[in-house]
Amino acid sequence: MRRDAVVRLKGGATVVPVRNTNEITDDAGERGLLQLIVPQAFLLADPDPSARAVSELVYGEAVRLEETKAGFAFVVAARDNYAGWVDAASIADITSAGTDRIWVPAAPVRAAPDIKDPVLFTLPLSADVAVTERHDQWLKLADGNWISTTHARPIKESAEDPVALAETLFAGTPYVWGGKTPQGCDCSGMLQTCLLLCGITVPRDSGPQLEVMSLMEEAEIDGSKRGLIAGFAGHIGFMNDDTHLIHANATACSVSIDPLSEVIEIVRKSDGPNSYRGLFRLQPV
């Protein structure tokens, strides 16, 4: 599906993608971008390994370097303009533009195109890789390593249903503050990654995410609520049917599917009676 096409969700709800102009392309170096060269790394609030995580980067993700300090680099992520500190050794100049994106929770990387070859490391969901050779079962990467053809898709390809991605790729994922992969995620990180795989870019945090969405009146909701987004003060999740949402949450400490009514009561007890904002859809752009 084209990135500028309307994404049609099961049940009839629709969202409209925002074009992402910050992917790594051949002129990325000229634009002053670097990229993450380790499988994944948390963006930290301070240049200290014990600092709190604020978000996460994945392999191949482009960043803009702002400053270095004590072995750390302060960077701005090109995908969402989120800023934080990472180990300076985890980023490097871009040598090859990404061509494909990882579409499984963890893609094994091998030195040879052989299923029995030892796994060197794994790449997380939504990591971008540069493919130099395509074979029936294997993709050769720019660094000489190999991944299965079933574990990645060309970057320009996208899914149609972000809720299905949440259900199949994130259900049961541990809750990790700042995370955005099936190894660990928070509520807005899961939502952002699932929408990214549908060709939609949104901000990183739940508050700014709701700002690019439209609150729906009950009379506007025609048909299934699947695909609408339940918004709270400091929390967010996908409706996966008319009465339940799938969300990363601290109560279950994982990604779970729960009745919306129960989640509203839990959040109201902790964050106040006005903490539930309602059901939202992405605004056309």
C-alpha atoms as a PDB file:
ATOM      1  CA  MET A   1       0.000   0.000   0.000  1.00  0.00           C
ATOM      2  CA  ARG A   2       1.250   3.479  -0.817  1.00  0.00           C
ATOM      3  CA  ARG A   3       2.225   5.641   2.151  1.00  0.00           C
ATOM      4  CA  ASP A   4      -0.100   8.407   0.994  1.00  0.00           C
ATOM      5  CA  ALA A   5      -3.122   6.105   0.727  1.00  0.00           C
ATOM      6  CA  VAL A   6      -5.915   5.900   3.256  1.00  0.00           C
ATOM      7  CA  VAL A   7      -5.409   2.964   5.610  1.00  0.00           C
ATOM      8  CA  ARG A   8      -8.668   1.045   5.972  1.00  0.00           C
ATOM      9  CA  LEU A   9      -9.053  -0.857   9.198  1.00  0.00           C
ATOM     10  CA  LYS A  10     -11.133  -3.942   9.779  1.00  0.00           C
ATOM     11  CA  GLY A  11     -14.570  -2.750  10.809  1.00  0.00           C
ATOM     12  CA  GLY A  12     -14.562   0.333   8.605  1.00  0.00           C
ATOM     13  CA  ALA A  13     -12.601   2.916  10.598  1.00  0.00           C
ATOM     14  CA  THR A  14     -10.005   4.824   8.599  1.00  0.00           C
ATOM     15  CA  VAL A  15      -6.830   6.741   9.357  1.00  0.00           C
ATOM     16  CA  VAL A  16      -4.722   8.829   7.025  1.00  0.00           C
ATOM     17  CA  PRO A  17      -0.934   8.428   7.075  1.00  0.00           C
ATOM     18  CA  VAL A  18       1.422  11.310   7.680  1.00  0.00           C
ATOM     19  CA  ARG A  19       4.296  11.138   5.215  1.00  0.00           C
ATOM     20  CA  ASN A  20       7.640  10.376   6.844  1.00  0.00           C
ATOM     21  CA  THR A  21      10.352  12.485   5.234  1.00  0.00           C
ATOM     22  CA  ASN A  22      13.052  11.483   7.704  1.00  0.00           C
ATOM     23  CA  GLU A  23      13.904   7.975   6.522  1.00  0.00           C
ATOM     24  CA  ILE A  24      17.520   7.249   5.642  1.00  0.00           C
ATOM     25  CA  THR A  25      18.113   7.973   1.974  1.00  0.00           C
ATOM     26  CA  ASP A  26      21.258   8.252  -0.102  1.00  0.00           C
ATOM     27  CA  ASP A  27      21.682  11.925   0.836  1.00  0.00           C
ATOM     28  CA  ALA A  28      21.384  11.280   4.587  1.00  0.00           C
ATOM     29  CA  GLY A  29      25.065  12.023   5.181  1.00  0.00           C
ATOM     30  CA  GLU A  30      24.709  15.349   3.449  1.00  0.00           C
ATOM     31  CA  ARG A  31      21.819  16.139   5.790  1.00  0.00           C
ATOM     32  CA  GLY A  32      24.071  15.515   8.792  1.00  0.00           C
ATOM     33  CA  LEU A  33      22.415  12.299   9.919  1.00  0.00           C
ATOM     34  CA  LEU A  34      24.041   9.357  11.689  1.00  0.00           C
ATOM     35  CA  GLN A  35      22.455   5.979  12.433  1.00  0.00           C
ATOM     36  CA  LEU A  36      22.198   3.463  15.252  1.00  0.00           C
ATOM     37  CA  ILE A  37      24.570   0.545  14.649  1.00  0.00           C
ATOM     38  CA  VAL A  38      23.546  -1.691  17.578  1.00  0.00           C
ATOM     39  CA  PRO A  39      20.265  -3.662  17.639  1.00  0.00           C
ATOM     40  CA  GLN A  40      18.538  -1.234  19.989  1.00  0.00           C
ATOM     41  CA  ALA A  41      19.379   1.422  22.547  1.00  0.00           C
ATOM     42  CA  PHE A  42      17.387   3.468  25.009  1.00  0.00           C
ATOM     43  CA  LEU A  43      17.395   7.230  24.760  1.00  0.00           C
ATOM     44  CA  LEU A  44      18.335   8.423  28.245  1.00  0.00           C
ATOM     45  CA  ALA A  45      17.351  11.567  30.104  1.00  0.00           C
ATOM     46  CA  ASP A  46      20.957  12.257  31.123  1.00  0.00           C
ATOM     47  CA  PRO A  47      24.468  11.216  29.982  1.00  0.00           C
ATOM     48  CA  ASP A  48      24.611   8.474  32.592  1.00  0.00           C
ATOM     49  CA  PRO A  49      24.039   4.710  32.110  1.00  0.00           C
ATOM     50  CA  SER A  50      21.784   4.695  35.185  1.00  0.00           C
ATOM     51  CA  ALA A  51      19.609   7.558  33.884  1.00  0.00           C
ATOM     52  CA  ARG A  52      15.927   7.080  33.177  1.00  0.00           C
ATOM     53  CA  ALA A  53      14.941   5.990  29.671  1.00  0.00           C
ATOM     54  CA  VAL A  54      12.750   8.398  27.730  1.00  0.00           C
ATOM     55  CA  SER A  55      12.450   6.463  24.453  1.00  0.00           C
ATOM     56  CA  GLU A  56      14.231   3.867  22.360  1.00  0.00           C
ATOM     57  CA  LEU A  57      16.120   3.684  19.070  1.00  0.00           C
ATOM     58  CA  VAL A  58      16.364   0.608  16.859  1.00  0.00           C
ATOM     59  CA  TYR A  59      19.051  -0.511  14.413  1.00  0.00           C
ATOM     60  CA  GLY A  60      19.354   1.669  11.334  1.00  0.00           C
ATOM     61  CA  GLU A  61      17.319   4.513  12.795  1.00  0.00           C
ATOM     62  CA  ALA A  62      18.616   7.917  11.743  1.00  0.00           C
ATOM     63  CA  VAL A  63      19.604  10.524  14.315  1.00  0.00           C
ATOM     64  CA  ARG A  64      21.008  14.034  14.314  1.00  0.00           C
ATOM     65  CA  LEU A  65      23.975  14.544  16.649  1.00  0.00           C
ATOM     66  CA  GLU A  66      23.742  17.649  18.838  1.00  0.00           C
ATOM     67  CA  GLU A  67      26.608  17.211  21.312  1.00  0.00           C
ATOM     68  CA  THR A  68      28.815  14.674  23.096  1.00  0.00           C
ATOM     69  CA  LYS A  69      29.647  14.405  26.784  1.00  0.00           C
ATOM     70  CA  ALA A  70      31.418  11.794  28.897  1.00  0.00           C
ATOM     71  CA  GLY A  71      31.163   9.117  26.221  1.00  0.00           C
ATOM     72  CA  PHE A  72      27.517   9.854  25.475  1.00  0.00           C
ATOM     73  CA  ALA A  73      25.907  11.538  22.494  1.00  0.00           C
ATOM     74  CA  PHE A  74      22.873  13.793  22.682  1.00  0.00           C
ATOM     75  CA  VAL A  75      20.830  12.995  19.585  1.00  0.00           C
ATOM     76  CA  VAL A  76      17.487  13.810  17.993  1.00  0.00           C
ATOM     77  CA  ALA A  77      15.683  10.875  16.364  1.00  0.00           C
ATOM     78  CA  ALA A  78      14.735  11.598  12.758  1.00  0.00           C
ATOM     79  CA  ARG A  79      11.552   9.502  12.912  1.00  0.00           C
ATOM     80  CA  ASP A  80       9.860  11.544  15.622  1.00  0.00           C
ATOM     81  CA  ASN A  81      12.241  14.346  16.712  1.00  0.00           C
ATOM     82  CA  TYR A  82      12.572  12.791  20.169  1.00  0.00           C
ATOM     83  CA  ALA A  83      15.805  13.693  21.928  1.00  0.00           C
ATOM     84  CA  GLY A  84      17.998  11.977  24.484  1.00  0.00           C
ATOM     85  CA  TRP A  85      21.420  10.558  25.287  1.00  0.00           C
ATOM     86  CA  VAL A  86      22.899   7.322  23.926  1.00  0.00           C
ATOM     87  CA  ASP A  87      26.282   5.658  24.168  1.00  0.00           C
ATOM     88  CA  ALA A  88      28.373   7.541  21.609  1.00  0.00           C
ATOM     89  CA  ALA A  89      29.809   4.235  20.349  1.00  0.00           C
ATOM     90  CA  SER A  90      26.312   3.078  19.318  1.00  0.00           C
ATOM     91  CA  ILE A  91      25.995   5.567  16.440  1.00  0.00           C
ATOM     92  CA  ALA A  92      28.093   6.040  13.309  1.00  0.00           C
ATOM     93  CA  ASP A  93      28.086   7.588   9.861  1.00  0.00           C
ATOM     94  CA  ILE A  94      25.520   6.218   7.438  1.00  0.00           C
ATOM     95  CA  THR A  95      27.239   4.004   4.876  1.00  0.00           C
ATOM     96  CA  SER A  96      24.173   2.498   3.164  1.00  0.00           C
ATOM     97  CA  ALA A  97      20.592   3.714   2.937  1.00  0.00           C
ATOM     98  CA  GLY A  98      18.008   1.377   4.447  1.00  0.00           C
ATOM     99  CA  THR A  99      15.984  -0.610   1.929  1.00  0.00           C
ATOM    100  CA  ASP A 100      14.014  -3.026   4.124  1.00  0.00           C
ATOM    101  CA  ARG A 101      12.371  -3.035   7.541  1.00  0.00           C
ATOM    102  CA  ILE A 102      12.205  -5.849  10.096  1.00  0.00           C
ATOM    103  CA  TRP A 103       8.648  -7.202  10.466  1.00  0.00           C
ATOM    104  CA  VAL A 104       9.079  -9.805  13.206  1.00  0.00           C
ATOM    105  CA  PRO A 105       9.693  -9.328  16.949  1.00  0.00           C
ATOM    106  CA  ALA A 106      13.340 -10.411  16.630  1.00  0.00           C
ATOM    107  CA  ALA A 107      15.079 -11.287  13.347  1.00  0.00           C
ATOM    108  CA  PRO A 108      18.133 -13.591  13.709  1.00  0.00           C
ATOM    109  CA  VAL A 109      21.224 -12.341  11.896  1.00  0.00           C
ATOM    110  CA  ARG A 110      23.699 -14.936  10.613  1.00  0.00           C
ATOM    111  CA  ALA A 111      27.103 -14.801   8.951  1.00  0.00           C
ATOM    112  CA  ALA A 112      26.006 -17.269   6.255  1.00  0.00           C
ATOM    113  CA  PRO A 113      22.674 -18.051   4.536  1.00  0.00           C
ATOM    114  CA  ASP A 114      22.193 -21.279   6.446  1.00  0.00           C
ATOM    115  CA  ILE A 115      19.484 -21.926   9.028  1.00  0.00           C
ATOM    116  CA  LYS A 116      22.010 -23.957  11.079  1.00  0.00           C
ATOM    117  CA  ASP A 117      24.567 -21.143  11.136  1.00  0.00           C
ATOM    118  CA  PRO A 118      24.998 -19.562  14.598  1.00  0.00           C
ATOM    119  CA  VAL A 119      22.908 -16.496  15.336  1.00  0.00           C
ATOM    120  CA  LEU A 120      25.196 -13.477  15.736  1.00  0.00           C
ATOM    121  CA  PHE A 121      22.492 -11.213  17.160  1.00  0.00           C
ATOM    122  CA  THR A 122      18.843 -10.335  16.529  1.00  0.00           C
ATOM    123  CA  LEU A 123      17.317  -7.181  15.100  1.00  0.00           C
ATOM    124  CA  PRO A 124      14.081  -5.825  16.600  1.00  0.00           C
ATOM    125  CA  LEU A 125      10.792  -5.001  14.944  1.00  0.00           C
ATOM    126  CA  SER A 126      10.936  -1.824  12.771  1.00  0.00           C
ATOM    127  CA  ALA A 127      14.743  -1.840  12.442  1.00  0.00           C
ATOM    128  CA  ASP A 128      15.921  -0.710   9.006  1.00  0.00           C
ATOM    129  CA  VAL A 129      18.533  -2.672   7.057  1.00  0.00           C
ATOM    130  CA  ALA A 130      20.347  -2.186   3.754  1.00  0.00           C
ATOM    131  CA  VAL A 131      19.871  -5.222   1.501  1.00  0.00           C
ATOM    132  CA  THR A 132      22.467  -5.783  -1.225  1.00  0.00           C
ATOM    133  CA  GLU A 133      21.378  -9.207  -2.542  1.00  0.00           C
ATOM    134  CA  ARG A 134      17.976 -10.920  -2.651  1.00  0.00           C
ATOM    135  CA  HIS A 135      17.638 -14.698  -2.848  1.00  0.00           C
ATOM    136  CA  ASP A 136      14.649 -17.006  -2.517  1.00  0.00           C
ATOM    137  CA  GLN A 137      15.095 -17.544   1.216  1.00  0.00           C
ATOM    138  CA  TRP A 138      17.770 -15.068   2.244  1.00  0.00           C
ATOM    139  CA  LEU A 139      18.632 -11.392   2.157  1.00  0.00           C
ATOM    140  CA  LYS A 140      22.267 -10.321   2.223  1.00  0.00           C
ATOM    141  CA  LEU A 141      22.911  -7.142   4.186  1.00  0.00           C
ATOM    142  CA  ALA A 142      25.415  -4.404   3.502  1.00  0.00           C
ATOM    143  CA  ASP A 143      27.591  -5.623   6.396  1.00  0.00           C
ATOM    144  CA  GLY A 144      27.861  -9.082   4.781  1.00  0.00           C
ATOM    145  CA  ASN A 145      25.478 -10.820   7.173  1.00  0.00           C
ATOM    146  CA  TRP A 146      22.208 -12.531   6.265  1.00  0.00           C
ATOM    147  CA  ILE A 147      18.584 -12.566   7.401  1.00  0.00           C
ATOM    148  CA  SER A 148      15.580 -14.587   6.269  1.00  0.00           C
ATOM    149  CA  THR A 149      13.405 -13.119   3.518  1.00  0.00           C
ATOM    150  CA  THR A 150      10.392 -13.797   5.752  1.00  0.00           C
ATOM    151  CA  HIS A 151      11.664 -11.438   8.443  1.00  0.00           C
ATOM    152  CA  ALA A 152      11.759  -8.163   6.493  1.00  0.00           C
ATOM    153  CA  ARG A 153       9.853  -6.218   3.864  1.00  0.00           C
ATOM    154  CA  PRO A 154      10.824  -3.290   1.647  1.00  0.00           C
ATOM    155  CA  ILE A 155      10.473  -0.053   3.606  1.00  0.00           C
ATOM    156  CA  LYS A 156       7.868   1.313   1.205  1.00  0.00           C
ATOM    157  CA  GLU A 157       5.526  -1.584   1.945  1.00  0.00           C
ATOM    158  CA  SER A 158       3.024  -1.122   4.747  1.00  0.00           C
ATOM    159  CA  ALA A 159       0.298  -2.999   6.575  1.00  0.00           C
ATOM    160  CA  GLU A 160      -3.379  -2.085   6.574  1.00  0.00           C
ATOM    161  CA  ASP A 161      -4.400  -2.770  10.174  1.00  0.00           C
ATOM    162  CA  PRO A 162      -2.272  -1.456  13.069  1.00  0.00           C
ATOM    163  CA  VAL A 163      -4.561  -3.185  15.555  1.00  0.00           C
ATOM    164  CA  ALA A 164      -3.776  -6.565  14.010  1.00  0.00           C
ATOM    165  CA  LEU A 165      -0.072  -5.754  14.390  1.00  0.00           C
ATOM    166  CA  ALA A 166      -0.589  -4.950  18.069  1.00  0.00           C
ATOM    167  CA  GLU A 167      -2.496  -8.209  18.549  1.00  0.00           C
ATOM    168  CA  THR A 168       0.009 -10.435  16.731  1.00  0.00           C
ATOM    169  CA  LEU A 169       3.340  -8.754  17.491  1.00  0.00           C
ATOM    170  CA  PHE A 170       2.862  -7.093  20.884  1.00  0.00           C
ATOM    171  CA  ALA A 171       0.299  -9.087  22.895  1.00  0.00           C
ATOM    172  CA  GLY A 172       1.974 -10.195  26.135  1.00  0.00           C
ATOM    173  CA  THR A 173       4.995  -7.925  25.663  1.00  0.00           C
ATOM    174  CA  PRO A 174       6.464  -6.796  29.007  1.00  0.00           C
ATOM    175  CA  TYR A 175       5.757  -3.204  29.986  1.00  0.00           C
ATOM    176  CA  VAL A 176       8.982  -1.199  29.784  1.00  0.00           C
ATOM    177  CA  TRP A 177       8.982   2.560  30.206  1.00  0.00           C
ATOM    178  CA  GLY A 178      10.445   4.149  27.075  1.00  0.00           C
ATOM    179  CA  GLY A 179      10.368   0.923  25.040  1.00  0.00           C
ATOM    180  CA  LYS A 180       8.756   0.543  21.626  1.00  0.00           C
ATOM    181  CA  THR A 181       9.526  -3.046  20.553  1.00  0.00           C
ATOM    182  CA  PRO A 182       8.170  -6.520  21.435  1.00  0.00           C
ATOM    183  CA  GLN A 183      11.140  -6.894  23.787  1.00  0.00           C
ATOM    184  CA  GLY A 184       9.475  -4.276  25.985  1.00  0.00           C
ATOM    185  CA  CYS A 185       7.251  -1.277  25.352  1.00  0.00           C
ATOM    186  CA  ASP A 186       5.110   1.415  26.893  1.00  0.00           C
ATOM    187  CA  CYS A 187       1.650   2.400  25.673  1.00  0.00           C
ATOM    188  CA  SER A 188       2.648   5.155  23.255  1.00  0.00           C
ATOM    189  CA  GLY A 189       5.682   3.206  22.017  1.00  0.00           C
ATOM    190  CA  MET A 190       3.534   0.259  20.930  1.00  0.00           C
ATOM    191  CA  LEU A 191       1.028   2.531  19.223  1.00  0.00           C
ATOM    192  CA  GLN A 192       3.767   4.485  17.431  1.00  0.00           C
ATOM    193  CA  THR A 193       5.494   1.352  16.108  1.00  0.00           C
ATOM    194  CA  CYS A 194       2.273  -0.270  14.883  1.00  0.00           C
ATOM    195  CA  LEU A 195       1.277   2.899  13.056  1.00  0.00           C
ATOM    196  CA  LEU A 196       4.786   3.246  11.597  1.00  0.00           C
ATOM    197  CA  LEU A 197       4.445  -0.206  10.034  1.00  0.00           C
ATOM    198  CA  CYS A 198       1.249   1.069   8.427  1.00  0.00           C
ATOM    199  CA  GLY A 199       3.070   4.039   6.922  1.00  0.00           C
ATOM    200  CA  ILE A 200       1.835   6.460   9.574  1.00  0.00           C
ATOM    201  CA  THR A 201       4.116   8.645  11.676  1.00  0.00           C
ATOM    202  CA  VAL A 202       2.906  10.122  14.954  1.00  0.00           C
ATOM    203  CA  PRO A 203       4.695  11.754  17.903  1.00  0.00           C
ATOM    204  CA  ARG A 204       6.334   9.582  20.549  1.00  0.00           C
ATOM    205  CA  ASP A 205       4.311  10.397  23.689  1.00  0.00           C
ATOM    206  CA  SER A 206       0.608   9.845  24.316  1.00  0.00           C
ATOM    207  CA  GLY A 207      -0.218  13.513  24.912  1.00  0.00           C
ATOM    208  CA  PRO A 208       1.251  14.764  21.615  1.00  0.00           C
ATOM    209  CA  GLN A 209      -0.205  11.717  19.870  1.00  0.00           C
ATOM    210  CA  LEU A 210      -3.711  12.756  20.917  1.00  0.00           C
ATOM    211  CA  GLU A 211      -2.987  16.278  19.670  1.00  0.00           C
ATOM    212  CA  VAL A 212      -2.727  14.962  16.079  1.00  0.00           C
ATOM    213  CA  MET A 213      -6.000  13.073  16.447  1.00  0.00           C
ATOM    214  CA  SER A 214      -9.641  14.123  16.470  1.00  0.00           C
ATOM    215  CA  LEU A 215     -11.929  13.431  19.422  1.00  0.00           C
ATOM    216  CA  MET A 216     -15.035  11.667  18.175  1.00  0.00           C
ATOM    217  CA  GLU A 217     -18.552  12.322  19.351  1.00  0.00           C
ATOM    218  CA  GLU A 218     -20.609   9.184  19.927  1.00  0.00           C
ATOM    219  CA  ALA A 219     -22.895  10.143  17.032  1.00  0.00           C
ATOM    220  CA  GLU A 220     -19.882  10.220  14.684  1.00  0.00           C
ATOM    221  CA  ILE A 221     -18.948   6.611  15.364  1.00  0.00           C
ATOM    222  CA  ASP A 222     -20.524   4.630  12.551  1.00  0.00           C
ATOM    223  CA  GLY A 223     -20.014   0.887  12.776  1.00  0.00           C
ATOM    224  CA  SER A 224     -17.246  -0.917  14.608  1.00  0.00           C
ATOM    225  CA  LYS A 225     -14.994   0.919  17.046  1.00  0.00           C
ATOM    226  CA  ARG A 226     -12.064  -1.302  16.099  1.00  0.00           C
ATOM    227  CA  GLY A 227      -9.144   0.887  15.090  1.00  0.00           C
ATOM    228  CA  LEU A 228     -10.231   3.911  17.099  1.00  0.00           C
ATOM    229  CA  ILE A 229      -7.841   5.086  19.769  1.00  0.00           C
ATOM    230  CA  ALA A 230      -8.781   5.342  23.436  1.00  0.00           C
ATOM    231  CA  GLY A 231      -7.152   8.402  24.945  1.00  0.00           C
ATOM    232  CA  PHE A 232      -6.431   9.192  28.568  1.00  0.00           C
ATOM    233  CA  ALA A 233      -4.347  11.716  30.458  1.00  0.00           C
ATOM    234  CA  GLY A 234      -0.987   9.957  30.127  1.00  0.00           C
ATOM    235  CA  HIS A 235      -2.236   6.756  28.528  1.00  0.00           C
ATOM    236  CA  ILE A 236      -3.346   5.480  25.107  1.00  0.00           C
ATOM    237  CA  GLY A 237      -4.418   2.265  23.370  1.00  0.00           C
ATOM    238  CA  PHE A 238      -6.138   0.771  20.332  1.00  0.00           C
ATOM    239  CA  MET A 239      -9.755  -0.339  20.442  1.00  0.00           C
ATOM    240  CA  ASN A 240      -9.728  -3.918  19.148  1.00  0.00           C
ATOM    241  CA  ASP A 241     -13.519  -4.272  19.225  1.00  0.00           C
ATOM    242  CA  ASP A 242     -16.480  -2.232  20.454  1.00  0.00           C
ATOM    243  CA  THR A 243     -15.750  -2.701  24.165  1.00  0.00           C
ATOM    244  CA  HIS A 244     -12.082  -3.706  24.585  1.00  0.00           C
ATOM    245  CA  LEU A 245      -8.725  -2.073  24.020  1.00  0.00           C
ATOM    246  CA  ILE A 246      -5.250  -3.480  23.562  1.00  0.00           C
ATOM    247  CA  HIS A 247      -2.681  -1.440  25.459  1.00  0.00           C
ATOM    248  CA  ALA A 248       0.647  -1.606  27.258  1.00  0.00           C
ATOM    249  CA  ASN A 249      -0.125  -0.916  30.886  1.00  0.00           C
ATOM    250  CA  ALA A 250       1.421  -0.926  34.329  1.00  0.00           C
ATOM    251  CA  THR A 251      -1.498  -2.806  35.909  1.00  0.00           C
ATOM    252  CA  ALA A 252      -0.774  -6.006  33.976  1.00  0.00           C
ATOM    253  CA  CYS A 253       2.855  -4.918  33.479  1.00  0.00           C
ATOM    254  CA  SER A 254       2.432  -6.076  29.888  1.00  0.00           C
ATOM    255  CA  VAL A 255       0.421  -5.544  26.729  1.00  0.00           C
ATOM    256  CA  SER A 256      -3.064  -6.863  27.466  1.00  0.00           C
ATOM    257  CA  ILE A 257      -6.616  -6.718  26.112  1.00  0.00           C
ATOM    258  CA  ASP A 258      -9.041  -5.334  28.681  1.00  0.00           C
ATOM    259  CA  PRO A 259     -12.598  -3.975  28.841  1.00  0.00           C
ATOM    260  CA  LEU A 260     -12.481  -0.228  28.204  1.00  0.00           C
ATOM    261  CA  SER A 261     -14.882   0.350  31.113  1.00  0.00           C
ATOM    262  CA  GLU A 262     -12.479  -1.332  33.553  1.00  0.00           C
ATOM    263  CA  VAL A 263      -9.496   0.631  32.269  1.00  0.00           C
ATOM    264  CA  ILE A 264     -11.424   3.896  32.630  1.00  0.00           C
ATOM    265  CA  GLU A 265     -12.170   3.092  36.284  1.00  0.00           C
ATOM    266  CA  ILE A 266      -8.552   2.125  37.017  1.00  0.00           C
ATOM    267  CA  VAL A 267      -7.181   5.289  35.441  1.00  0.00           C
ATOM    268  CA  ARG A 268      -9.776   7.498  37.130  1.00  0.00           C
ATOM    269  CA  LYS A 269      -8.794   6.113  40.531  1.00  0.00           C
ATOM    270  CA  SER A 270      -5.132   6.964  39.949  1.00  0.00           C
ATOM    271  CA  ASP A 271      -5.329  10.091  37.787  1.00  0.00           C
ATOM    272  CA  GLY A 272      -8.657  11.699  38.594  1.00  0.00           C
ATOM    273  CA  PRO A 273     -12.258  11.700  37.320  1.00  0.00           C
ATOM    274  CA  ASN A 274     -11.446  13.572  34.106  1.00  0.00           C
ATOM    275  CA  SER A 275      -8.545  11.386  33.029  1.00  0.00           C
ATOM    276  CA  TYR A 276     -10.473   9.581  30.269  1.00  0.00           C
ATOM    277  CA  ARG A 277     -10.526  11.811  27.193  1.00  0.00           C
ATOM    278  CA  GLY A 278     -12.617   9.643  24.845  1.00  0.00           C
ATOM    279  CA  LEU A 279     -12.217   7.858  21.510  1.00  0.00           C
ATOM    280  CA  PHE A 280     -10.044   9.442  18.812  1.00  0.00           C
ATOM    281  CA  ARG A 281      -9.142   8.986  15.159  1.00  0.00           C
ATOM    282  CA  LEU A 282      -6.187  10.405  13.268  1.00  0.00           C
ATOM    283  CA  GLN A 283      -6.846  13.688  11.526  1.00  0.00           C
ATOM    284  CA  PRO A 284      -6.534  13.946   7.744  1.00  0.00           C
ATOM    285  CA  VAL A 285      -3.439  15.889   6.673  1.00  0.00           C
END
